[in-house]
Amino acid sequence: MIWDVVRDRVDLGEAGVVEREYVRHTGAVGALAIDDEDRILLLRQYRHPVRHELWEPPAGLLDVAGEPPHLTVQRELAEEADLVASDWSVLIDWFSSPGGMDEAIRVYLARGLSPVPEADRHTRTGEEHGMPLRWVPLDEAKDAVLGGRIHNPAAVVSILAAWAARAEGWTTLRPADAPWPQHPGSR
C-alpha cells in the first residue's frame, strides 16, 4: 500500500490535546533531467484522482526497503525515461500537503545524460505504458508553470527551483547524498 490513514493524539501544551487524522505516505523522489541545451524532460502521465494527464518529471515512490533515495531516483529515471545521468544534485525538498499528509518529496537535478542501452530498458506498464516524453526549454517550462499550463506539484516546484538555481549559477544545489531529515525513513 502507498499510504495509510492514521489518527494521532497531539499534545499542544496550553492549547490542550487534540486528535488529528492524516495520510501517512512512503515519500517520493523525482529527477529533473536537464540536457546540454538547457531543456528539461517532462513525461505526460495519467493521474486518476484528478482525472487528467499531467506533465511531470520522472518520479517514484520510496517503496524499496533500504534503498537510498539517490539510488531510487536513478532507477526511476532509467525506468521511466530510458536515461542515466553522470551528475546528480539535490535540487529541492518539500512536503506535498502538510495539513493532511506526511509525504516528503526530494527532487534531484540530473545532468550528463545518456541513454540506457536498448537491451537494458525497463518494460513500462499501467500508467507508465506509452507515456509521451517532451524536452522543454527551462524558460518555456517556467512560463508554462506561471501561465497555469503545468499542474503537477513536483513539476511546478522543481521547474521554479531549477530556474532560480540556474540564475544563481547552480550554487544552491546540494550533494546527491545530502542529509534529508524529513525523509519518511528517518521519522
N, C-alpha and C. Protein backbone atom coordinates (compact mmCIF):
# COMPACT_ATOMS: atom_id res chain seq x y z
N MET A 1 0.84 -1.19 0.00
CA MET A 1 0.00 0.00 0.00
C MET A 1 0.88 1.25 0.00
N ILE A 2 0.40 2.27 -0.65
CA ILE A 2 1.15 3.53 -0.74
C ILE A 2 0.94 4.38 0.50
N TRP A 3 -0.22 4.31 1.10
CA TRP A 3 -0.48 5.15 2.26
C TRP A 3 -1.43 4.47 3.24
N ASP A 4 -1.49 5.07 4.44
CA ASP A 4 -2.42 4.68 5.48
C ASP A 4 -3.02 5.96 6.05
N VAL A 5 -4.27 5.89 6.49
CA VAL A 5 -4.86 6.99 7.23
C VAL A 5 -4.66 6.66 8.70
N VAL A 6 -4.06 7.59 9.44
CA VAL A 6 -3.76 7.37 10.85
C VAL A 6 -4.37 8.48 11.69
N ARG A 7 -4.54 8.20 12.97
CA ARG A 7 -5.06 9.20 13.91
C ARG A 7 -4.06 9.27 15.06
N ASP A 8 -3.59 10.48 15.35
CA ASP A 8 -2.66 10.73 16.45
C ASP A 8 -3.32 11.63 17.48
N ARG A 9 -2.96 11.41 18.72
CA ARG A 9 -3.30 12.37 19.78
C ARG A 9 -2.08 13.27 19.94
N VAL A 10 -2.29 14.57 19.81
CA VAL A 10 -1.20 15.54 19.81
C VAL A 10 -1.35 16.47 21.00
N ASP A 11 -0.32 16.54 21.84
CA ASP A 11 -0.32 17.44 23.00
C ASP A 11 0.20 18.79 22.54
N LEU A 12 -0.68 19.78 22.54
CA LEU A 12 -0.31 21.13 22.11
C LEU A 12 0.01 22.04 23.30
N GLY A 13 0.35 21.45 24.42
CA GLY A 13 0.69 22.24 25.60
C GLY A 13 -0.53 22.95 26.14
N GLU A 14 -0.43 24.24 26.29
CA GLU A 14 -1.53 25.04 26.85
C GLU A 14 -2.80 24.95 26.02
N ALA A 15 -2.69 24.64 24.73
CA ALA A 15 -3.86 24.55 23.86
C ALA A 15 -4.60 23.23 24.03
N GLY A 16 -4.01 22.30 24.79
CA GLY A 16 -4.68 21.03 25.05
C GLY A 16 -4.24 19.90 24.15
N VAL A 17 -4.92 18.78 24.29
CA VAL A 17 -4.64 17.59 23.49
C VAL A 17 -5.73 17.49 22.43
N VAL A 18 -5.30 17.28 21.19
CA VAL A 18 -6.24 17.17 20.08
C VAL A 18 -5.97 15.88 19.32
N GLU A 19 -6.96 15.44 18.58
CA GLU A 19 -6.75 14.30 17.68
C GLU A 19 -6.65 14.83 16.26
N ARG A 20 -5.69 14.29 15.52
CA ARG A 20 -5.50 14.69 14.13
C ARG A 20 -5.39 13.44 13.27
N GLU A 21 -6.15 13.42 12.19
CA GLU A 21 -6.05 12.35 11.20
C GLU A 21 -5.28 12.88 10.00
N TYR A 22 -4.46 12.02 9.43
CA TYR A 22 -3.70 12.41 8.25
C TYR A 22 -3.30 11.16 7.49
N VAL A 23 -2.82 11.36 6.29
CA VAL A 23 -2.35 10.27 5.45
C VAL A 23 -0.86 10.09 5.69
N ARG A 24 -0.47 8.88 6.04
CA ARG A 24 0.96 8.53 6.16
C ARG A 24 1.37 7.98 4.81
N HIS A 25 2.42 8.55 4.24
CA HIS A 25 2.86 8.25 2.88
C HIS A 25 4.31 7.78 2.88
N THR A 26 4.65 6.95 1.90
CA THR A 26 6.01 6.40 1.81
C THR A 26 7.06 7.44 1.43
N GLY A 27 6.64 8.55 0.83
CA GLY A 27 7.58 9.54 0.34
C GLY A 27 7.93 9.25 -1.11
N ALA A 28 8.55 10.24 -1.77
CA ALA A 28 8.85 10.10 -3.19
C ALA A 28 10.08 10.92 -3.57
N VAL A 29 10.64 10.56 -4.70
CA VAL A 29 11.75 11.30 -5.29
C VAL A 29 11.43 11.56 -6.76
N GLY A 30 12.06 12.59 -7.30
CA GLY A 30 11.90 12.91 -8.71
C GLY A 30 13.23 13.34 -9.30
N ALA A 31 13.30 13.29 -10.62
CA ALA A 31 14.51 13.69 -11.35
C ALA A 31 14.16 14.76 -12.36
N LEU A 32 14.68 15.96 -12.16
CA LEU A 32 14.54 16.99 -13.19
C LEU A 32 15.79 16.87 -14.06
N ALA A 33 15.63 16.16 -15.17
CA ALA A 33 16.74 15.93 -16.09
C ALA A 33 16.87 17.14 -17.00
N ILE A 34 18.09 17.67 -17.10
CA ILE A 34 18.34 18.83 -17.95
C ILE A 34 19.50 18.51 -18.87
N ASP A 35 19.31 18.79 -20.15
CA ASP A 35 20.34 18.44 -21.13
C ASP A 35 21.28 19.62 -21.38
N ASP A 36 22.22 19.44 -22.29
CA ASP A 36 23.22 20.47 -22.59
C ASP A 36 22.64 21.68 -23.30
N GLU A 37 21.40 21.57 -23.77
CA GLU A 37 20.74 22.70 -24.43
C GLU A 37 19.79 23.44 -23.47
N ASP A 38 19.89 23.14 -22.16
CA ASP A 38 19.07 23.80 -21.14
C ASP A 38 17.59 23.43 -21.27
N ARG A 39 17.35 22.19 -21.73
CA ARG A 39 15.97 21.69 -21.83
C ARG A 39 15.76 20.66 -20.73
N ILE A 40 14.54 20.63 -20.19
CA ILE A 40 14.19 19.64 -19.17
C ILE A 40 13.28 18.59 -19.78
N LEU A 41 13.33 17.40 -19.20
CA LEU A 41 12.50 16.31 -19.67
C LEU A 41 11.23 16.24 -18.84
N LEU A 42 10.09 16.23 -19.51
CA LEU A 42 8.80 16.05 -18.84
C LEU A 42 8.08 14.86 -19.47
N LEU A 43 7.37 14.12 -18.63
CA LEU A 43 6.57 12.98 -19.05
C LEU A 43 5.11 13.36 -18.90
N ARG A 44 4.26 12.83 -19.74
CA ARG A 44 2.82 13.07 -19.59
C ARG A 44 2.21 11.78 -19.06
N GLN A 45 1.72 11.83 -17.81
CA GLN A 45 1.23 10.63 -17.15
C GLN A 45 -0.19 10.86 -16.63
N TYR A 46 -1.03 9.84 -16.80
CA TYR A 46 -2.40 9.91 -16.30
C TYR A 46 -2.40 9.78 -14.78
N ARG A 47 -3.13 10.69 -14.11
CA ARG A 47 -3.28 10.67 -12.65
C ARG A 47 -4.77 10.58 -12.35
N HIS A 48 -5.19 9.39 -11.95
CA HIS A 48 -6.62 9.12 -11.81
C HIS A 48 -7.34 10.00 -10.78
N PRO A 49 -6.78 10.28 -9.60
CA PRO A 49 -7.55 11.09 -8.64
C PRO A 49 -8.02 12.43 -9.21
N VAL A 50 -7.23 13.03 -10.12
CA VAL A 50 -7.63 14.31 -10.70
C VAL A 50 -8.18 14.16 -12.11
N ARG A 51 -8.18 12.91 -12.62
CA ARG A 51 -8.73 12.59 -13.93
C ARG A 51 -8.08 13.37 -15.08
N HIS A 52 -6.78 13.55 -14.98
CA HIS A 52 -6.03 14.30 -16.00
C HIS A 52 -4.70 13.63 -16.28
N GLU A 53 -4.20 13.85 -17.48
CA GLU A 53 -2.82 13.56 -17.80
C GLU A 53 -2.04 14.82 -17.46
N LEU A 54 -0.95 14.66 -16.72
CA LEU A 54 -0.17 15.81 -16.26
C LEU A 54 1.27 15.70 -16.76
N TRP A 55 1.86 16.84 -17.09
CA TRP A 55 3.28 16.88 -17.42
C TRP A 55 4.05 16.92 -16.11
N GLU A 56 5.02 16.04 -15.98
CA GLU A 56 5.77 15.94 -14.72
C GLU A 56 7.14 15.35 -14.97
N PRO A 57 8.07 15.54 -14.03
CA PRO A 57 9.38 14.91 -14.17
C PRO A 57 9.28 13.42 -13.82
N PRO A 58 10.22 12.61 -14.29
CA PRO A 58 10.25 11.22 -13.84
C PRO A 58 10.33 11.19 -12.32
N ALA A 59 9.54 10.30 -11.71
CA ALA A 59 9.47 10.26 -10.25
C ALA A 59 9.00 8.89 -9.80
N GLY A 60 9.19 8.63 -8.52
CA GLY A 60 8.73 7.37 -7.99
C GLY A 60 8.68 7.37 -6.48
N LEU A 61 8.03 6.36 -5.96
CA LEU A 61 7.86 6.21 -4.52
C LEU A 61 9.12 5.64 -3.87
N LEU A 62 9.30 5.97 -2.62
CA LEU A 62 10.36 5.37 -1.80
C LEU A 62 9.79 4.07 -1.22
N ASP A 63 9.62 3.09 -2.09
CA ASP A 63 8.92 1.88 -1.68
C ASP A 63 9.78 0.61 -1.72
N VAL A 64 11.10 0.78 -1.88
CA VAL A 64 12.00 -0.36 -1.82
C VAL A 64 12.78 -0.25 -0.50
N ALA A 65 12.51 -1.17 0.39
CA ALA A 65 13.12 -1.13 1.73
C ALA A 65 14.64 -1.05 1.64
N GLY A 66 15.20 -0.07 2.35
CA GLY A 66 16.65 0.07 2.45
C GLY A 66 17.32 0.74 1.26
N GLU A 67 16.56 1.08 0.21
CA GLU A 67 17.17 1.72 -0.96
C GLU A 67 17.35 3.21 -0.67
N PRO A 68 18.58 3.72 -0.73
CA PRO A 68 18.79 5.15 -0.51
C PRO A 68 18.07 5.99 -1.57
N PRO A 69 17.54 7.14 -1.19
CA PRO A 69 16.79 7.97 -2.14
C PRO A 69 17.55 8.31 -3.41
N HIS A 70 18.86 8.56 -3.31
CA HIS A 70 19.60 8.93 -4.52
C HIS A 70 19.74 7.75 -5.49
N LEU A 71 19.61 6.53 -4.99
CA LEU A 71 19.60 5.36 -5.89
C LEU A 71 18.19 5.11 -6.44
N THR A 72 17.17 5.41 -5.63
CA THR A 72 15.79 5.29 -6.11
C THR A 72 15.57 6.20 -7.31
N VAL A 73 16.03 7.44 -7.21
CA VAL A 73 15.79 8.39 -8.30
C VAL A 73 16.56 7.99 -9.56
N GLN A 74 17.74 7.41 -9.39
CA GLN A 74 18.48 6.94 -10.56
C GLN A 74 17.73 5.81 -11.25
N ARG A 75 17.18 4.90 -10.46
CA ARG A 75 16.39 3.79 -11.00
C ARG A 75 15.15 4.33 -11.72
N GLU A 76 14.47 5.29 -11.12
CA GLU A 76 13.25 5.85 -11.73
C GLU A 76 13.54 6.55 -13.05
N LEU A 77 14.64 7.30 -13.13
CA LEU A 77 14.99 7.96 -14.39
C LEU A 77 15.24 6.93 -15.48
N ALA A 78 15.93 5.85 -15.14
CA ALA A 78 16.20 4.79 -16.12
C ALA A 78 14.91 4.10 -16.53
N GLU A 79 14.03 3.79 -15.56
CA GLU A 79 12.80 3.06 -15.86
C GLU A 79 11.79 3.89 -16.64
N GLU A 80 11.65 5.17 -16.29
CA GLU A 80 10.60 5.98 -16.90
C GLU A 80 11.04 6.74 -18.14
N ALA A 81 12.35 7.01 -18.26
CA ALA A 81 12.81 7.84 -19.38
C ALA A 81 13.95 7.22 -20.18
N ASP A 82 14.38 6.02 -19.80
CA ASP A 82 15.48 5.35 -20.50
C ASP A 82 16.74 6.20 -20.52
N LEU A 83 17.00 6.88 -19.39
CA LEU A 83 18.18 7.73 -19.28
C LEU A 83 18.97 7.41 -18.02
N VAL A 84 20.28 7.64 -18.11
CA VAL A 84 21.16 7.64 -16.95
C VAL A 84 21.84 9.00 -16.93
N ALA A 85 22.27 9.42 -15.75
CA ALA A 85 22.93 10.71 -15.59
C ALA A 85 24.25 10.49 -14.84
N SER A 86 25.25 11.24 -15.24
CA SER A 86 26.55 11.13 -14.57
C SER A 86 26.70 12.14 -13.44
N ASP A 87 25.81 13.13 -13.38
CA ASP A 87 25.91 14.20 -12.38
C ASP A 87 24.55 14.37 -11.70
N TRP A 88 24.51 14.13 -10.39
CA TRP A 88 23.28 14.23 -9.61
C TRP A 88 23.48 15.22 -8.46
N SER A 89 22.49 16.08 -8.25
CA SER A 89 22.50 17.03 -7.13
C SER A 89 21.08 17.13 -6.58
N VAL A 90 20.98 17.45 -5.30
CA VAL A 90 19.66 17.74 -4.73
C VAL A 90 19.25 19.13 -5.19
N LEU A 91 18.07 19.20 -5.79
CA LEU A 91 17.53 20.47 -6.24
C LEU A 91 16.66 21.09 -5.16
N ILE A 92 15.70 20.30 -4.61
CA ILE A 92 14.77 20.87 -3.63
C ILE A 92 14.03 19.76 -2.89
N ASP A 93 13.65 20.07 -1.65
CA ASP A 93 12.85 19.18 -0.80
C ASP A 93 11.59 19.93 -0.37
N TRP A 94 10.48 19.21 -0.19
CA TRP A 94 9.28 19.83 0.35
C TRP A 94 8.30 18.77 0.82
N PHE A 95 7.29 19.21 1.57
CA PHE A 95 6.15 18.38 1.95
C PHE A 95 5.03 18.71 0.98
N SER A 96 4.38 17.69 0.42
CA SER A 96 3.39 17.95 -0.63
C SER A 96 2.10 18.58 -0.10
N SER A 97 1.64 18.17 1.08
CA SER A 97 0.40 18.70 1.64
C SER A 97 0.44 18.55 3.15
N PRO A 98 1.24 19.37 3.85
CA PRO A 98 1.50 19.16 5.27
C PRO A 98 0.29 19.28 6.19
N GLY A 99 -0.82 19.80 5.70
CA GLY A 99 -2.02 19.86 6.53
C GLY A 99 -2.80 18.55 6.54
N GLY A 100 -2.47 17.64 5.62
CA GLY A 100 -3.25 16.43 5.54
C GLY A 100 -2.47 15.15 5.30
N MET A 101 -1.18 15.28 5.00
CA MET A 101 -0.37 14.09 4.80
C MET A 101 1.09 14.38 5.14
N ASP A 102 1.86 13.30 5.39
CA ASP A 102 3.26 13.49 5.76
C ASP A 102 4.21 13.21 4.60
N GLU A 103 3.71 13.19 3.35
CA GLU A 103 4.56 12.90 2.19
C GLU A 103 5.67 13.93 2.06
N ALA A 104 6.91 13.44 2.08
CA ALA A 104 8.09 14.26 1.83
C ALA A 104 8.60 13.92 0.44
N ILE A 105 8.98 14.94 -0.31
CA ILE A 105 9.46 14.76 -1.68
C ILE A 105 10.82 15.44 -1.82
N ARG A 106 11.70 14.76 -2.53
CA ARG A 106 13.01 15.33 -2.88
C ARG A 106 13.16 15.20 -4.38
N VAL A 107 13.49 16.31 -5.03
CA VAL A 107 13.78 16.27 -6.46
C VAL A 107 15.25 16.58 -6.66
N TYR A 108 15.85 15.74 -7.49
CA TYR A 108 17.27 15.86 -7.85
C TYR A 108 17.38 16.48 -9.23
N LEU A 109 18.47 17.20 -9.46
CA LEU A 109 18.81 17.69 -10.79
C LEU A 109 19.75 16.66 -11.39
N ALA A 110 19.38 16.15 -12.56
CA ALA A 110 20.17 15.12 -13.25
C ALA A 110 20.79 15.75 -14.50
N ARG A 111 22.12 15.68 -14.59
CA ARG A 111 22.83 16.22 -15.76
C ARG A 111 23.82 15.18 -16.27
N GLY A 112 24.41 15.47 -17.40
CA GLY A 112 25.32 14.50 -18.01
C GLY A 112 24.56 13.26 -18.45
N LEU A 113 23.53 13.48 -19.27
CA LEU A 113 22.58 12.44 -19.62
C LEU A 113 23.06 11.58 -20.79
N SER A 114 22.72 10.30 -20.72
CA SER A 114 22.96 9.38 -21.82
C SER A 114 21.87 8.31 -21.79
N PRO A 115 21.62 7.67 -22.94
CA PRO A 115 20.54 6.68 -22.99
C PRO A 115 20.92 5.37 -22.32
N VAL A 116 19.91 4.71 -21.76
CA VAL A 116 20.07 3.35 -21.26
C VAL A 116 20.20 2.46 -22.50
N PRO A 117 21.15 1.53 -22.54
CA PRO A 117 21.25 0.62 -23.69
C PRO A 117 19.92 -0.09 -23.94
N GLU A 118 19.57 -0.25 -25.20
CA GLU A 118 18.29 -0.85 -25.59
C GLU A 118 18.01 -2.15 -24.85
N ALA A 119 19.00 -3.01 -24.72
CA ALA A 119 18.81 -4.32 -24.09
C ALA A 119 18.51 -4.22 -22.59
N ASP A 120 18.86 -3.10 -21.96
CA ASP A 120 18.68 -2.94 -20.52
C ASP A 120 17.45 -2.11 -20.16
N ARG A 121 16.63 -1.76 -21.13
CA ARG A 121 15.48 -0.89 -20.86
C ARG A 121 14.36 -1.61 -20.13
N HIS A 122 13.72 -0.88 -19.27
CA HIS A 122 12.61 -1.35 -18.46
C HIS A 122 11.34 -1.42 -19.31
N THR A 123 10.51 -2.43 -19.11
CA THR A 123 9.22 -2.53 -19.78
C THR A 123 8.19 -1.80 -18.93
N ARG A 124 7.63 -0.73 -19.49
CA ARG A 124 6.66 0.08 -18.76
C ARG A 124 5.26 -0.49 -18.91
N THR A 125 4.52 -0.47 -17.77
CA THR A 125 3.15 -0.98 -17.76
C THR A 125 2.25 0.04 -17.06
N GLY A 126 0.95 -0.23 -17.06
CA GLY A 126 -0.01 0.65 -16.37
C GLY A 126 0.05 2.06 -16.89
N GLU A 127 0.00 3.03 -15.97
CA GLU A 127 0.02 4.44 -16.35
C GLU A 127 1.32 4.85 -17.04
N GLU A 128 2.39 4.06 -16.84
CA GLU A 128 3.68 4.40 -17.45
C GLU A 128 3.79 3.93 -18.90
N HIS A 129 2.93 2.99 -19.31
CA HIS A 129 2.99 2.45 -20.67
C HIS A 129 2.63 3.53 -21.68
N GLY A 130 3.51 3.75 -22.63
CA GLY A 130 3.24 4.69 -23.71
C GLY A 130 3.24 6.15 -23.31
N MET A 131 3.87 6.48 -22.17
CA MET A 131 3.90 7.89 -21.75
C MET A 131 4.68 8.73 -22.77
N PRO A 132 4.09 9.82 -23.24
CA PRO A 132 4.85 10.72 -24.12
C PRO A 132 5.93 11.44 -23.31
N LEU A 133 7.06 11.66 -23.94
CA LEU A 133 8.17 12.42 -23.35
C LEU A 133 8.34 13.70 -24.17
N ARG A 134 8.75 14.76 -23.49
CA ARG A 134 8.97 16.01 -24.21
C ARG A 134 10.13 16.76 -23.57
N TRP A 135 11.03 17.23 -24.40
CA TRP A 135 12.12 18.10 -23.94
C TRP A 135 11.66 19.54 -24.09
N VAL A 136 11.69 20.29 -22.99
CA VAL A 136 11.15 21.65 -22.96
C VAL A 136 12.25 22.60 -22.47
N PRO A 137 12.51 23.70 -23.19
CA PRO A 137 13.47 24.68 -22.67
C PRO A 137 13.03 25.13 -21.27
N LEU A 138 14.00 25.25 -20.36
CA LEU A 138 13.68 25.60 -18.98
C LEU A 138 12.88 26.90 -18.90
N ASP A 139 13.23 27.91 -19.69
CA ASP A 139 12.48 29.17 -19.65
C ASP A 139 11.03 28.96 -20.10
N GLU A 140 10.82 28.13 -21.12
CA GLU A 140 9.46 27.84 -21.58
C GLU A 140 8.67 27.09 -20.51
N ALA A 141 9.33 26.17 -19.82
CA ALA A 141 8.67 25.42 -18.75
C ALA A 141 8.27 26.36 -17.61
N LYS A 142 9.16 27.27 -17.24
CA LYS A 142 8.84 28.26 -16.20
C LYS A 142 7.62 29.08 -16.60
N ASP A 143 7.58 29.52 -17.86
CA ASP A 143 6.44 30.29 -18.35
C ASP A 143 5.16 29.45 -18.32
N ALA A 144 5.25 28.16 -18.62
CA ALA A 144 4.08 27.28 -18.59
C ALA A 144 3.56 27.13 -17.16
N VAL A 145 4.47 27.04 -16.19
CA VAL A 145 4.05 26.98 -14.78
C VAL A 145 3.30 28.26 -14.41
N LEU A 146 3.92 29.40 -14.67
CA LEU A 146 3.31 30.68 -14.29
C LEU A 146 2.05 30.98 -15.09
N GLY A 147 1.92 30.40 -16.28
CA GLY A 147 0.74 30.60 -17.11
C GLY A 147 -0.37 29.60 -16.82
N GLY A 148 -0.17 28.74 -15.83
CA GLY A 148 -1.20 27.79 -15.44
C GLY A 148 -1.35 26.60 -16.35
N ARG A 149 -0.30 26.26 -17.12
CA ARG A 149 -0.39 25.13 -18.04
C ARG A 149 0.28 23.86 -17.51
N ILE A 150 1.00 23.96 -16.39
CA ILE A 150 1.59 22.80 -15.73
C ILE A 150 1.02 22.76 -14.33
N HIS A 151 0.47 21.58 -13.92
CA HIS A 151 -0.25 21.49 -12.66
C HIS A 151 0.33 20.50 -11.67
N ASN A 152 1.16 19.58 -12.11
CA ASN A 152 1.73 18.60 -11.20
C ASN A 152 2.64 19.31 -10.20
N PRO A 153 2.45 19.10 -8.88
CA PRO A 153 3.25 19.83 -7.89
C PRO A 153 4.76 19.59 -8.03
N ALA A 154 5.17 18.36 -8.33
CA ALA A 154 6.60 18.10 -8.48
C ALA A 154 7.17 18.88 -9.66
N ALA A 155 6.39 19.00 -10.73
CA ALA A 155 6.83 19.78 -11.88
C ALA A 155 6.90 21.27 -11.52
N VAL A 156 5.84 21.78 -10.92
CA VAL A 156 5.79 23.20 -10.57
C VAL A 156 6.98 23.58 -9.67
N VAL A 157 7.13 22.85 -8.58
CA VAL A 157 8.18 23.18 -7.61
C VAL A 157 9.57 23.02 -8.22
N SER A 158 9.82 21.91 -8.91
CA SER A 158 11.17 21.66 -9.41
C SER A 158 11.53 22.58 -10.58
N ILE A 159 10.58 22.90 -11.44
CA ILE A 159 10.87 23.82 -12.54
C ILE A 159 11.23 25.20 -12.01
N LEU A 160 10.43 25.71 -11.06
CA LEU A 160 10.74 27.03 -10.49
C LEU A 160 12.05 27.00 -9.72
N ALA A 161 12.33 25.90 -9.01
CA ALA A 161 13.59 25.79 -8.28
C ALA A 161 14.77 25.74 -9.24
N ALA A 162 14.64 25.00 -10.34
CA ALA A 162 15.74 24.93 -11.32
C ALA A 162 15.96 26.28 -11.98
N TRP A 163 14.89 26.96 -12.31
CA TRP A 163 15.02 28.28 -12.93
C TRP A 163 15.75 29.24 -11.99
N ALA A 164 15.39 29.21 -10.70
CA ALA A 164 16.06 30.07 -9.71
C ALA A 164 17.51 29.62 -9.47
N ALA A 165 17.73 28.31 -9.40
CA ALA A 165 19.09 27.80 -9.17
C ALA A 165 20.01 28.16 -10.33
N ARG A 166 19.50 28.07 -11.54
CA ARG A 166 20.31 28.45 -12.71
C ARG A 166 20.69 29.93 -12.63
N ALA A 167 19.75 30.78 -12.19
CA ALA A 167 20.04 32.22 -12.05
C ALA A 167 21.14 32.47 -11.02
N GLU A 168 21.29 31.53 -10.08
CA GLU A 168 22.34 31.64 -9.05
C GLU A 168 23.60 30.88 -9.46
N GLY A 169 23.70 30.50 -10.72
CA GLY A 169 24.86 29.76 -11.19
C GLY A 169 24.93 28.35 -10.63
N TRP A 170 23.80 27.77 -10.28
CA TRP A 170 23.67 26.42 -9.72
C TRP A 170 24.36 26.28 -8.36
N THR A 171 24.66 27.39 -7.69
CA THR A 171 25.36 27.33 -6.39
C THR A 171 24.45 26.86 -5.26
N THR A 172 23.16 26.80 -5.48
CA THR A 172 22.23 26.38 -4.43
C THR A 172 22.06 24.86 -4.37
N LEU A 173 22.61 24.14 -5.33
CA LEU A 173 22.48 22.69 -5.36
C LEU A 173 23.25 22.06 -4.21
N ARG A 174 22.74 20.92 -3.74
CA ARG A 174 23.39 20.16 -2.67
C ARG A 174 23.84 18.81 -3.20
N PRO A 175 24.80 18.17 -2.53
CA PRO A 175 25.24 16.85 -2.99
C PRO A 175 24.08 15.86 -2.99
N ALA A 176 24.15 14.88 -3.88
CA ALA A 176 23.07 13.89 -4.03
C ALA A 176 22.80 13.14 -2.73
N ASP A 177 23.80 12.98 -1.91
CA ASP A 177 23.61 12.25 -0.65
C ASP A 177 23.48 13.20 0.55
N ALA A 178 23.07 14.45 0.28
CA ALA A 178 22.89 15.43 1.37
C ALA A 178 21.88 14.90 2.39
N PRO A 179 22.06 15.23 3.65
CA PRO A 179 21.09 14.80 4.67
C PRO A 179 19.67 15.22 4.30
N TRP A 180 18.72 14.37 4.68
CA TRP A 180 17.31 14.63 4.42
C TRP A 180 16.54 14.25 5.67
N PRO A 181 16.54 15.11 6.68
CA PRO A 181 15.89 14.76 7.94
C PRO A 181 14.38 14.56 7.82
N GLN A 182 13.76 15.09 6.78
CA GLN A 182 12.32 14.92 6.59
C GLN A 182 11.98 13.59 5.90
N HIS A 183 12.99 12.85 5.48
CA HIS A 183 12.79 11.56 4.79
C HIS A 183 11.91 10.66 5.68
N PRO A 184 10.91 10.04 5.07
CA PRO A 184 9.99 9.21 5.86
C PRO A 184 10.69 8.13 6.70
N GLY A 185 11.79 7.62 6.20
CA GLY A 185 12.52 6.58 6.94
C GLY A 185 13.24 7.09 8.16
N SER A 186 13.36 8.41 8.29
CA SER A 186 14.07 8.97 9.45
C SER A 186 13.13 9.45 10.55
N ARG A 187 11.81 9.26 10.35
CA ARG A 187 10.85 9.69 11.36
C ARG A 187 10.50 8.56 12.29
